[in-house]
Amino acid sequence: MRHTPRRVVVTGYGAVTPLGLSAASTWDAAVRGVSGAAPITRFDAADQTTRFACELKGFDALNYVDRKLAKRMDVYSHYAVAAANEAIAHAGLDTSTLTDAQRARIGVIIGSGQGGMETFQNQAVTWHTSGPGRLSPFFVPMIIPDIAGAWVAMQHGLRGPNHAVVSACATGNDCIMSALDSIRANRADIILAGGAECAITPLGVGGFGAARALSTRNEEPTRASRPFDVDRDGFVLGEGAGVLVLESLESAESRGATIYAEVLAVGAACDAHHLTAPHPDGIGARLAMEGAFAEARISPTDVDTINMHATSTGLGDVAECSAVRAVFGDHADVATSTATKSMTGHMLGAAGAVEALFSILSIVDNVVPPVINLESVDPACNVRVAANVAEQRSVLVALSNAFGFGGHNTAAIFAAREVGDSL
C-alpha cells in the first residue's frame, strides 16, 4: 500500500544577517531596499582588491552564549545559535519543558559552506608563529561544518536527527531538503533547518578576490551588488545565518502552532560542467526546478514569486534567467522575480536558508522585496523583476533557488497552507 507523505510546514524562523539581528528587522530592511554593504571592519582590508562586504552590525555572541562557550565556538556557530534561538522562540517551543520522548523527535540540520574560516585562519597563524604546541584543543571541532548544529542541539537538549549538508552556496536549501525528507519519513516531528556562514576573513575575501568573483566597486559599496544589471562586476560577500522550524502538520496542529507556510518540495540537480562556472544554458538549474515541480505536483504557472540565486555575476545571472525562461515560458513575465543578494550580499552557506525565509515572508505579507541597484537591465536577463522597489501582490506560492560551486543546484517551493490543502 502506498502511503501519502507527511505534510511539512514552517512554524518558526530566525535570522541574523547584514540587514538586521532578527528575522523581523532583516525582513523590514529587505522590503525597504536597504543595502547591507559597507567597508570591511572585521580586519584591515587595505591590501585587498575588494575592501567592502556585507557584515553583521552590532552582533555580540555573549547575548546568546556565555563567555566560556563563546571562546570554544567559531563565529559561524555563534550566528547559527543566535538564529536557532530566535526560531525556537518564534515557534513557541519551550525546550526546557520537553520530555525525553519529545527531545528524541526534534532534530537539527544546519550546514555551512565553509565552516570555521576565522578559526582556521587564526590557528594557522598560531601554528606558523608559535608551533603546534600553541594550537587550541578546540581547533578541529571549531572549524568543522557540522558543529553549529551540534551546539544548537546541546544548548536545547535536542536528540533527533543531527547532521550538516555541505554543498557550497546550495547548503541552506539542501539542509531544508534533508529536513523535509526526515520528517516525511517519520524520523522526526520537528527539525531546525538552515545554514550559517562567516567567511569575511582575509583568506575568505582574498580567495574569492583571486577567483575574480567579487565586485571591486570599492568607492560605492552599497551600489556594488546589482543582479541583472548590465554593469554588474561580481558578488559582494555576506555573512550570517538563517534557521527555519520545519514540523509535521500533525505536530503543528496538536500543539496549536502558527503555520506560516508549507514546504511542498525541494528539487536538486548537478550541472556536471565546471568547478565554479554554471552551465551556460542553466541545465542543472532547470532540472532542479523541474524536479521540484514534479514532486510538489504543481505547475510553474502556479508560482507568484521567484527568489533567484542571482549573485550579480556575469555568467551566473544569465544562466539562471535562461533556466527560468526555459521552465516558466511566458509565465516568467508574470511571476515577480527578486534577487535579495542585492541587499544581503552573498551569504554562501546561509544564503539558501535566508532566501527561503524571504520567500515564506512574501507569502505571509503578500509582498516581494526589490532587486536594488538595477539601473540598466541586461537584455539576457529576460525575466520580470521587482526593480528597486518592493511589489505588493498576492503570493500563494514561492520558489527559492540556491546554487553552489561544483554545479550544485537546488530549488525549494513554499506555499500558503490553503495551497497544500487543495493538493
Protein backbone atom coordinates (compact mmCIF):
# COMPACT_ATOMS: atom_id res chain seq x y z
CA MET A 1 0.00 0.00 0.00
CA ARG A 2 1.33 3.43 -0.96
CA HIS A 3 1.28 5.98 1.85
CA THR A 4 0.80 9.73 1.37
CA PRO A 5 3.91 11.57 2.63
CA ARG A 6 3.51 13.60 5.80
CA ARG A 7 2.92 17.28 5.12
CA VAL A 8 5.65 19.56 6.41
CA VAL A 9 5.02 23.14 7.48
CA VAL A 10 7.04 26.10 8.72
CA THR A 11 6.14 27.13 12.27
CA GLY A 12 9.05 29.40 13.17
CA TYR A 13 12.10 31.16 11.83
CA GLY A 14 15.12 33.17 12.92
CA ALA A 15 17.94 35.06 11.25
CA VAL A 16 20.97 37.23 11.82
CA THR A 17 22.02 38.98 8.63
CA PRO A 18 23.76 42.10 7.32
CA LEU A 19 20.30 43.72 7.34
CA GLY A 20 19.39 43.00 10.96
CA LEU A 21 19.90 40.80 14.00
CA SER A 22 16.44 39.21 13.81
CA ALA A 23 14.17 37.85 11.14
CA ALA A 24 11.77 40.79 11.57
CA SER A 25 14.42 43.51 11.27
CA THR A 26 16.01 41.71 8.32
CA TRP A 27 12.68 41.48 6.52
CA ASP A 28 11.79 45.10 7.20
CA ALA A 29 15.10 46.27 5.73
CA ALA A 30 14.75 43.98 2.72
CA VAL A 31 11.29 45.27 1.88
CA ARG A 32 12.60 48.83 2.15
CA GLY A 33 15.51 48.04 -0.17
CA VAL A 34 18.35 48.65 2.28
CA SER A 35 21.87 47.59 1.33
CA GLY A 36 23.99 45.81 3.95
CA ALA A 37 27.27 46.62 2.21
CA ALA A 38 29.95 48.80 3.78
CA PRO A 39 33.75 48.96 4.16
CA ILE A 40 35.14 45.91 5.97
CA THR A 41 35.65 46.40 9.72
CA ARG A 42 36.49 42.83 10.81
CA PHE A 43 40.11 43.23 9.72
CA ASP A 44 42.38 45.68 7.90
CA ALA A 45 41.45 45.17 4.26
CA ALA A 46 43.76 47.83 2.82
CA ASP A 47 45.77 45.30 0.79
CA GLN A 48 42.71 43.51 -0.60
CA THR A 49 41.40 44.05 -4.12
CA THR A 50 37.90 44.22 -2.62
CA ARG A 51 37.68 46.20 0.62
CA PHE A 52 33.97 46.02 1.44
CA ALA A 53 31.43 43.35 2.34
CA CYS A 54 28.04 42.79 3.94
CA GLU A 55 28.97 42.28 7.60
CA LEU A 56 26.67 41.85 10.59
CA LYS A 57 26.37 45.07 12.56
CA GLY A 58 26.43 45.10 16.37
CA PHE A 59 26.39 41.34 16.82
CA ASP A 60 27.54 40.18 20.28
CA ALA A 61 27.86 36.44 20.83
CA LEU A 62 27.50 36.96 24.58
CA ASN A 63 23.84 37.77 24.02
CA TYR A 64 23.38 34.12 23.07
CA VAL A 65 26.01 32.03 24.88
CA ASP A 66 28.22 32.55 27.93
CA ARG A 67 31.82 33.72 27.58
CA LYS A 68 33.39 30.32 28.14
CA LEU A 69 31.34 28.65 25.43
CA ALA A 70 31.74 31.59 23.06
CA LYS A 71 35.53 31.10 23.12
CA ARG A 72 35.08 27.46 22.09
CA MET A 73 32.92 28.31 19.09
CA ASP A 74 33.76 29.81 15.72
CA VAL A 75 31.82 32.90 14.73
CA TYR A 76 29.71 30.94 12.26
CA SER A 77 28.46 28.82 15.17
CA HIS A 78 27.64 31.98 17.12
CA TYR A 79 25.45 33.04 14.20
CA ALA A 80 23.76 29.63 13.96
CA VAL A 81 22.92 29.56 17.66
CA ALA A 82 21.52 33.10 17.51
CA ALA A 83 19.25 32.30 14.55
CA ALA A 84 18.18 28.96 16.03
CA ASN A 85 17.31 30.52 19.39
CA GLU A 86 15.07 33.03 17.67
CA ALA A 87 13.46 30.34 15.54
CA ILE A 88 12.72 28.15 18.57
CA ALA A 89 11.17 31.04 20.47
CA HIS A 90 9.22 32.17 17.42
CA ALA A 91 7.78 28.67 17.01
CA GLY A 92 6.56 28.69 20.61
CA LEU A 93 8.79 25.79 21.62
CA ASP A 94 9.83 25.75 25.28
CA THR A 95 12.74 23.33 25.13
CA SER A 96 13.18 23.43 28.90
CA THR A 97 9.93 21.51 29.40
CA LEU A 98 10.38 18.78 26.78
CA THR A 99 10.13 15.14 27.79
CA ASP A 100 12.83 12.67 26.74
CA ALA A 101 10.45 11.26 24.16
CA GLN A 102 9.84 14.70 22.69
CA ARG A 103 13.57 15.53 22.61
CA ALA A 104 14.20 12.38 20.56
CA ARG A 105 11.75 13.63 17.91
CA ILE A 106 13.32 17.08 17.37
CA GLY A 107 16.39 17.34 15.16
CA VAL A 108 18.85 19.94 13.89
CA ILE A 109 20.19 20.09 10.33
CA ILE A 110 22.27 23.24 9.93
CA GLY A 111 25.05 23.41 7.35
CA SER A 112 27.84 25.75 6.36
CA GLY A 113 29.55 26.16 3.03
CA GLN A 114 32.99 26.65 4.58
CA GLY A 115 32.76 26.10 8.33
CA GLY A 116 35.03 27.88 10.80
CA MET A 117 37.07 30.04 8.44
CA GLU A 118 38.04 32.62 11.05
CA THR A 119 39.26 29.96 13.47
CA PHE A 120 41.13 28.16 10.68
CA GLN A 121 42.98 31.31 9.68
CA ASN A 122 43.81 32.32 13.26
CA GLN A 123 45.05 28.85 14.16
CA ALA A 124 47.17 28.64 11.01
CA VAL A 125 48.88 31.86 12.06
CA THR A 126 49.38 30.47 15.58
CA TRP A 127 50.98 27.30 14.20
CA HIS A 128 53.23 29.31 11.88
CA THR A 129 54.40 31.76 14.55
CA SER A 130 54.38 29.60 17.70
CA GLY A 131 54.31 25.97 16.63
CA PRO A 132 51.81 23.13 17.13
CA GLY A 133 52.12 23.25 20.91
CA ARG A 134 50.16 26.51 20.95
CA LEU A 135 47.18 25.27 18.93
CA SER A 136 43.81 25.26 20.66
CA PRO A 137 42.47 21.84 21.69
CA PHE A 138 39.15 23.08 20.27
CA PHE A 139 40.65 23.87 16.86
CA VAL A 140 39.21 20.88 14.98
CA PRO A 141 35.68 20.92 16.45
CA MET A 142 35.52 24.69 15.96
CA ILE A 143 36.11 24.51 12.20
CA ILE A 144 34.08 21.52 11.03
CA PRO A 145 30.88 22.44 9.18
CA ASP A 146 28.60 20.16 11.22
CA ILE A 147 29.42 21.60 14.62
CA ALA A 148 26.96 24.52 14.58
CA GLY A 149 24.03 22.10 14.67
CA ALA A 150 25.69 20.19 17.47
CA TRP A 151 25.93 23.37 19.55
CA VAL A 152 22.23 24.10 18.96
CA ALA A 153 21.31 20.55 19.97
CA MET A 154 23.43 20.67 23.12
CA GLN A 155 22.05 24.04 24.14
CA HIS A 156 18.46 22.82 23.87
CA GLY A 157 18.78 19.09 24.51
CA LEU A 158 17.51 18.05 21.08
CA ARG A 159 18.30 14.39 20.35
CA GLY A 160 16.66 13.83 16.96
CA PRO A 161 18.49 13.63 13.59
CA ASN A 162 21.52 15.92 13.61
CA HIS A 163 23.88 16.49 10.72
CA ALA A 164 25.01 19.07 8.19
CA VAL A 165 24.74 19.15 4.43
CA VAL A 166 27.65 20.92 2.75
CA SER A 167 27.06 21.97 -0.86
CA ALA A 168 28.66 25.41 -1.07
CA CYS A 169 26.01 28.06 -1.67
CA ALA A 170 23.24 25.47 -2.10
CA THR A 171 23.78 24.35 1.52
CA GLY A 172 20.75 26.08 3.04
CA ASN A 173 18.29 24.58 0.58
CA ASP A 174 19.92 21.15 0.83
CA CYS A 175 19.54 21.23 4.63
CA ILE A 176 15.87 22.12 4.20
CA MET A 177 15.51 19.21 1.77
CA SER A 178 17.15 16.81 4.22
CA ALA A 179 14.84 18.00 6.99
CA LEU A 180 11.81 17.68 4.72
CA ASP A 181 12.76 14.11 3.86
CA SER A 182 13.43 13.19 7.50
CA ILE A 183 10.04 14.44 8.68
CA ARG A 184 8.23 12.81 5.78
CA ALA A 185 9.98 9.53 6.63
CA ASN A 186 8.81 9.89 10.25
CA ARG A 187 12.34 10.04 11.65
CA ALA A 188 11.41 13.28 13.41
CA ASP A 189 8.43 15.53 14.06
CA ILE A 190 10.32 18.83 14.18
CA ILE A 191 13.67 19.83 12.65
CA LEU A 192 15.56 23.10 12.82
CA ALA A 193 16.98 23.52 9.32
CA GLY A 194 19.19 26.17 7.78
CA GLY A 195 22.68 27.46 7.22
CA ALA A 196 25.33 29.68 8.79
CA GLU A 197 28.48 31.34 7.45
CA CYS A 198 31.28 33.67 8.50
CA ALA A 199 33.77 33.92 5.65
CA ILE A 200 34.57 37.63 5.82
CA THR A 201 38.20 36.97 6.73
CA PRO A 202 41.45 37.90 4.98
CA LEU A 203 41.61 34.44 3.40
CA GLY A 204 37.93 34.40 2.50
CA VAL A 205 37.92 37.81 0.84
CA GLY A 206 41.33 37.22 -0.70
CA GLY A 207 40.37 33.82 -2.05
CA PHE A 208 37.18 34.96 -3.73
CA GLY A 209 39.06 38.00 -4.98
CA ALA A 210 41.74 35.80 -6.52
CA ALA A 211 38.98 33.93 -8.31
CA ARG A 212 37.75 37.29 -9.64
CA ALA A 213 34.32 36.56 -8.24
CA LEU A 214 33.93 39.73 -6.14
CA SER A 215 32.83 43.20 -7.11
CA THR A 216 35.61 45.79 -6.84
CA ARG A 217 33.31 48.81 -6.61
CA ASN A 218 35.18 49.99 -3.51
CA GLU A 219 34.10 53.62 -3.75
CA GLU A 220 30.37 52.81 -3.67
CA PRO A 221 29.79 49.57 -1.75
CA THR A 222 26.03 49.98 -1.40
CA ARG A 223 25.71 50.04 -5.20
CA ALA A 224 28.04 47.10 -5.82
CA SER A 225 25.64 44.14 -5.64
CA ARG A 226 23.47 44.61 -8.71
CA PRO A 227 21.97 41.39 -10.06
CA PHE A 228 20.69 41.53 -13.65
CA ASP A 229 22.28 44.95 -14.20
CA VAL A 230 24.42 45.32 -17.29
CA ASP A 231 27.21 46.88 -15.18
CA ARG A 232 27.44 44.11 -12.57
CA ASP A 233 31.03 43.12 -11.83
CA GLY A 234 30.80 40.34 -9.25
CA PHE A 235 29.17 39.47 -5.96
CA VAL A 236 29.53 41.07 -2.53
CA LEU A 237 30.50 38.71 0.28
CA GLY A 238 27.95 38.42 3.10
CA GLU A 239 27.66 36.54 6.39
CA GLY A 240 25.06 35.41 8.93
CA ALA A 241 22.59 32.61 9.50
CA GLY A 242 19.01 31.59 8.83
CA VAL A 243 17.07 28.81 10.55
CA LEU A 244 13.55 27.51 9.89
CA VAL A 245 11.47 25.34 12.18
CA LEU A 246 10.04 22.61 9.97
CA GLU A 247 7.31 20.47 11.53
CA SER A 248 4.87 17.80 10.51
CA LEU A 249 1.39 19.19 10.03
CA GLU A 250 0.07 16.80 12.70
CA SER A 251 2.63 18.00 15.24
CA ALA A 252 1.95 21.65 14.48
CA GLU A 253 -1.80 21.22 14.81
CA SER A 254 -1.51 19.22 18.01
CA ARG A 255 0.36 21.99 19.78
CA GLY A 256 -1.63 24.85 18.22
CA ALA A 257 1.37 26.31 16.41
CA THR A 258 1.05 29.13 13.90
CA ILE A 259 1.66 27.84 10.38
CA TYR A 260 3.43 30.34 8.14
CA ALA A 261 3.81 28.22 5.02
CA GLU A 262 4.12 24.66 3.77
CA VAL A 263 7.23 23.15 2.22
CA LEU A 264 5.98 21.45 -0.93
CA ALA A 265 9.27 20.26 -2.40
CA VAL A 266 12.99 20.81 -2.89
CA GLY A 267 14.48 19.78 -6.22
CA ALA A 268 18.19 19.13 -6.75
CA ALA A 269 20.46 18.51 -9.74
CA CYS A 270 24.04 18.95 -10.91
CA ASP A 271 25.45 20.89 -13.88
CA ALA A 272 28.28 18.34 -14.27
CA HIS A 273 30.04 21.11 -16.17
CA HIS A 274 32.67 23.19 -14.35
CA LEU A 275 34.25 23.66 -10.93
CA THR A 276 32.89 27.18 -10.41
CA ALA A 277 31.03 28.35 -13.50
CA PRO A 278 27.38 27.43 -14.12
CA HIS A 279 26.40 25.62 -17.28
CA PRO A 280 25.74 28.45 -19.76
CA ASP A 281 22.30 27.04 -20.56
CA GLY A 282 21.44 26.57 -16.88
CA ILE A 283 20.86 22.83 -17.32
CA GLY A 284 21.28 21.94 -13.63
CA ALA A 285 19.10 24.84 -12.53
CA ARG A 286 16.40 23.79 -14.96
CA LEU A 287 16.50 20.18 -13.81
CA ALA A 288 16.31 21.23 -10.14
CA MET A 289 13.25 23.40 -10.77
CA GLU A 290 11.55 20.76 -12.89
CA GLY A 291 12.20 18.16 -10.20
CA ALA A 292 10.71 20.42 -7.54
CA PHE A 293 7.55 20.96 -9.56
CA ALA A 294 7.15 17.26 -10.23
CA GLU A 295 7.47 16.48 -6.52
CA ALA A 296 5.16 19.32 -5.48
CA ARG A 297 2.52 18.34 -8.06
CA ILE A 298 2.03 21.92 -9.15
CA SER A 299 2.86 23.86 -12.30
CA PRO A 300 5.29 26.77 -12.82
CA THR A 301 2.21 28.84 -13.66
CA ASP A 302 1.16 28.47 -10.01
CA VAL A 303 4.24 30.40 -8.84
CA ASP A 304 3.80 34.03 -7.83
CA THR A 305 7.39 34.93 -6.98
CA ILE A 306 10.90 33.58 -7.51
CA ASN A 307 13.75 34.45 -5.17
CA MET A 308 16.53 33.86 -7.65
CA HIS A 309 20.05 32.83 -6.73
CA ALA A 310 21.26 35.83 -8.77
CA THR A 311 24.64 36.68 -7.27
CA SER A 312 25.44 39.64 -9.55
CA THR A 313 27.98 37.77 -11.66
CA GLY A 314 28.04 37.94 -15.43
CA LEU A 315 27.70 34.22 -16.13
CA GLY A 316 25.50 33.22 -13.20
CA ASP A 317 22.67 35.70 -13.67
CA VAL A 318 22.33 34.95 -17.38
CA ALA A 319 22.41 31.16 -16.91
CA GLU A 320 19.72 31.29 -14.22
CA CYS A 321 17.49 33.58 -16.25
CA SER A 322 17.87 31.20 -19.19
CA ALA A 323 16.81 28.29 -16.98
CA VAL A 324 13.84 30.18 -15.54
CA ARG A 325 12.68 31.14 -19.01
CA ALA A 326 13.01 27.51 -20.16
CA VAL A 327 10.93 26.23 -17.23
CA PHE A 328 8.39 29.04 -16.91
CA GLY A 329 7.98 30.13 -20.50
CA ASP A 330 5.74 33.20 -20.74
CA HIS A 331 4.95 32.93 -17.01
CA ALA A 332 8.43 34.39 -16.40
CA ASP A 333 6.75 37.65 -17.45
CA VAL A 334 4.01 37.17 -14.84
CA ALA A 335 5.72 35.84 -11.70
CA THR A 336 7.69 38.53 -9.88
CA SER A 337 11.35 37.63 -9.51
CA THR A 338 13.64 39.15 -6.94
CA ALA A 339 17.32 38.91 -6.02
CA THR A 340 17.77 39.71 -2.34
CA LYS A 341 21.55 39.27 -2.56
CA SER A 342 21.45 42.81 -3.93
CA MET A 343 20.89 43.76 -0.26
CA THR A 344 22.34 40.97 1.90
CA GLY A 345 25.30 40.18 -0.30
CA HIS A 346 26.11 36.53 -0.90
CA MET A 347 25.86 34.72 2.44
CA LEU A 348 27.25 31.49 0.92
CA GLY A 349 26.08 28.51 3.02
CA ALA A 350 23.50 30.69 4.77
CA ALA A 351 22.09 32.19 1.59
CA GLY A 352 19.56 29.48 0.77
CA ALA A 353 18.09 29.49 4.28
CA VAL A 354 17.74 33.27 4.47
CA GLU A 355 16.26 33.45 0.99
CA ALA A 356 13.83 30.67 1.89
CA LEU A 357 12.80 32.87 4.82
CA PHE A 358 12.26 35.78 2.45
CA SER A 359 10.08 33.55 0.26
CA ILE A 360 7.99 32.47 3.26
CA LEU A 361 7.54 36.06 4.41
CA SER A 362 6.48 37.05 0.89
CA ILE A 363 3.65 34.55 1.33
CA VAL A 364 2.81 35.85 4.80
CA ASP A 365 2.84 39.56 3.87
CA ASN A 366 1.99 39.44 0.15
CA VAL A 367 4.98 41.50 -0.86
CA VAL A 368 8.07 40.78 -2.96
CA PRO A 369 11.26 42.58 -1.89
CA PRO A 370 13.12 44.50 -4.58
CA VAL A 371 16.24 44.00 -6.61
CA ILE A 372 18.13 47.16 -5.73
CA ASN A 373 20.78 48.87 -7.87
CA LEU A 374 19.02 47.78 -11.04
CA GLU A 375 19.68 50.72 -13.33
CA SER A 376 20.10 49.16 -16.77
CA VAL A 377 18.77 45.61 -17.20
CA ASP A 378 20.96 43.18 -19.10
CA PRO A 379 18.83 42.09 -22.10
CA ALA A 380 19.94 38.50 -21.44
CA CYS A 381 18.24 38.63 -18.02
CA ASN A 382 14.76 38.48 -19.51
CA VAL A 383 12.52 37.87 -16.51
CA ARG A 384 10.07 40.17 -14.73
CA VAL A 385 11.59 41.61 -11.56
CA ALA A 386 10.65 43.92 -8.71
CA ALA A 387 13.09 46.60 -9.78
CA ASN A 388 14.35 48.88 -6.97
CA VAL A 389 11.07 48.95 -5.02
CA ALA A 390 9.07 46.18 -3.39
CA GLU A 391 5.99 44.91 -5.17
CA GLN A 392 2.73 44.35 -3.33
CA ARG A 393 0.94 41.35 -4.81
CA SER A 394 -0.85 38.18 -3.82
CA VAL A 395 1.70 35.46 -3.09
CA LEU A 396 0.45 31.91 -2.57
CA VAL A 397 3.43 30.00 -4.00
CA ALA A 398 7.10 31.00 -3.92
CA LEU A 399 10.15 29.37 -5.48
CA SER A 400 13.62 29.91 -4.00
CA ASN A 401 16.74 28.94 -5.96
CA ALA A 402 20.17 28.26 -4.46
CA PHE A 403 23.18 27.15 -6.48
CA GLY A 404 26.78 26.41 -5.49
CA PHE A 405 30.31 25.87 -6.74
CA GLY A 406 30.66 22.32 -8.02
CA GLY A 407 27.49 22.63 -10.10
CA HIS A 408 25.12 22.08 -7.17
CA ASN A 409 21.60 23.33 -7.97
CA THR A 410 18.55 23.39 -5.69
CA ALA A 411 15.05 24.82 -5.95
CA ALA A 412 12.66 24.97 -2.98
CA ILE A 413 8.90 25.52 -3.27
CA PHE A 414 6.92 27.06 -0.41
CA ALA A 415 3.18 27.64 -0.39
CA ALA A 416 0.39 29.03 1.72
CA ARG A 417 -1.42 26.42 3.83
CA GLU A 418 -4.52 26.54 1.62
CA VAL A 419 -2.49 25.53 -1.43
CA GLY A 420 -1.35 22.36 0.32
CA ASP A 421 -4.91 21.67 1.45
CA SER A 422 -6.04 21.66 -2.17
CA LEU A 423 -3.45 19.19 -3.45
